[in-house]
Amino acid sequence: MAPAALRFEEEEEWSEEEEWEEEWEEEEWEEEEEWAEEEEW
C-alpha cells in the first residue's frame, strides 16, 4: 500500500516539473523572437 502511494506522489511531482519546463521553454522562445525582431530593425 505505501509503495503505491509513494509512487503516485512521485508521478505527481514529475508531471508538475514537466509542465514547468514546458512553460519555461515557451518563455525562452518568446524572448528569442523578440531578439530577432530587434535585430531586424
C-alpha atoms as a PDB file:
ATOM      1  CA  MET A   1       0.000   0.000   0.000  1.00  0.00           C
ATOM      2  CA  ALA A   2       2.690   2.505   0.976  1.00  0.00           C
ATOM      3  CA  PRO A   3       4.908   1.974  -2.103  1.00  0.00           C
ATOM      4  CA  ALA A   4       1.942   2.568  -4.432  1.00  0.00           C
ATOM      5  CA  ALA A   5       1.083   5.822  -2.666  1.00  0.00           C
ATOM      6  CA  LEU A   6       4.726   6.881  -2.749  1.00  0.00           C
ATOM      7  CA  ARG A   7       4.952   6.105  -6.461  1.00  0.00           C
ATOM      8  CA  PHE A   8       1.800   8.160  -7.087  1.00  0.00           C
ATOM      9  CA  GLU A   9       3.299  11.169  -5.304  1.00  0.00           C
ATOM     10  CA  GLU A  10       6.496  10.881  -7.345  1.00  0.00           C
ATOM     11  CA  GLU A  11       4.488  10.822 -10.577  1.00  0.00           C
ATOM     12  CA  GLU A  12       2.547  13.900  -9.438  1.00  0.00           C
ATOM     13  CA  GLU A  13       5.779  15.809  -8.773  1.00  0.00           C
ATOM     14  CA  TRP A  14       7.240  14.664 -12.094  1.00  0.00           C
ATOM     15  CA  SER A  15       4.226  15.872 -14.089  1.00  0.00           C
ATOM     16  CA  GLU A  16       4.378  19.249 -12.325  1.00  0.00           C
ATOM     17  CA  GLU A  17       8.068  19.578 -13.212  1.00  0.00           C
ATOM     18  CA  GLU A  18       7.307  18.665 -16.831  1.00  0.00           C
ATOM     19  CA  GLU A  19       4.654  21.392 -17.035  1.00  0.00           C
ATOM     20  CA  TRP A  20       7.083  23.925 -15.547  1.00  0.00           C
ATOM     21  CA  GLU A  21       9.758  23.016 -18.086  1.00  0.00           C
ATOM     22  CA  GLU A  22       7.287  23.424 -20.954  1.00  0.00           C
ATOM     23  CA  GLU A  23       6.240  26.876 -19.710  1.00  0.00           C
ATOM     24  CA  TRP A  24       9.891  27.885 -19.282  1.00  0.00           C
ATOM     25  CA  GLU A  25      10.732  26.776 -22.824  1.00  0.00           C
ATOM     26  CA  GLU A  26       7.818  28.825 -24.179  1.00  0.00           C
ATOM     27  CA  GLU A  27       9.061  31.924 -22.346  1.00  0.00           C
ATOM     28  CA  GLU A  28      12.586  31.362 -23.698  1.00  0.00           C
ATOM     29  CA  TRP A  29      11.166  31.052 -27.222  1.00  0.00           C
ATOM     30  CA  GLU A  30       9.283  34.351 -26.869  1.00  0.00           C
ATOM     31  CA  GLU A  31      12.470  36.088 -25.726  1.00  0.00           C
ATOM     32  CA  GLU A  32      14.345  34.725 -28.745  1.00  0.00           C
ATOM     33  CA  GLU A  33      11.618  36.014 -31.085  1.00  0.00           C
ATOM     34  CA  GLU A  34      11.858  39.479 -29.507  1.00  0.00           C
ATOM     35  CA  TRP A  35      15.635  39.464 -30.050  1.00  0.00           C
ATOM     36  CA  ALA A  36      15.126  38.540 -33.717  1.00  0.00           C
ATOM     37  CA  GLU A  37      12.694  41.433 -34.170  1.00  0.00           C
ATOM     38  CA  GLU A  38      15.159  43.889 -32.604  1.00  0.00           C
ATOM     39  CA  GLU A  39      17.953  42.664 -34.876  1.00  0.00           C
ATOM     40  CA  GLU A  40      15.781  43.273 -37.950  1.00  0.00           C
ATOM     41  CA  TRP A  41      15.477  46.930 -37.003  1.00  0.00           C
END
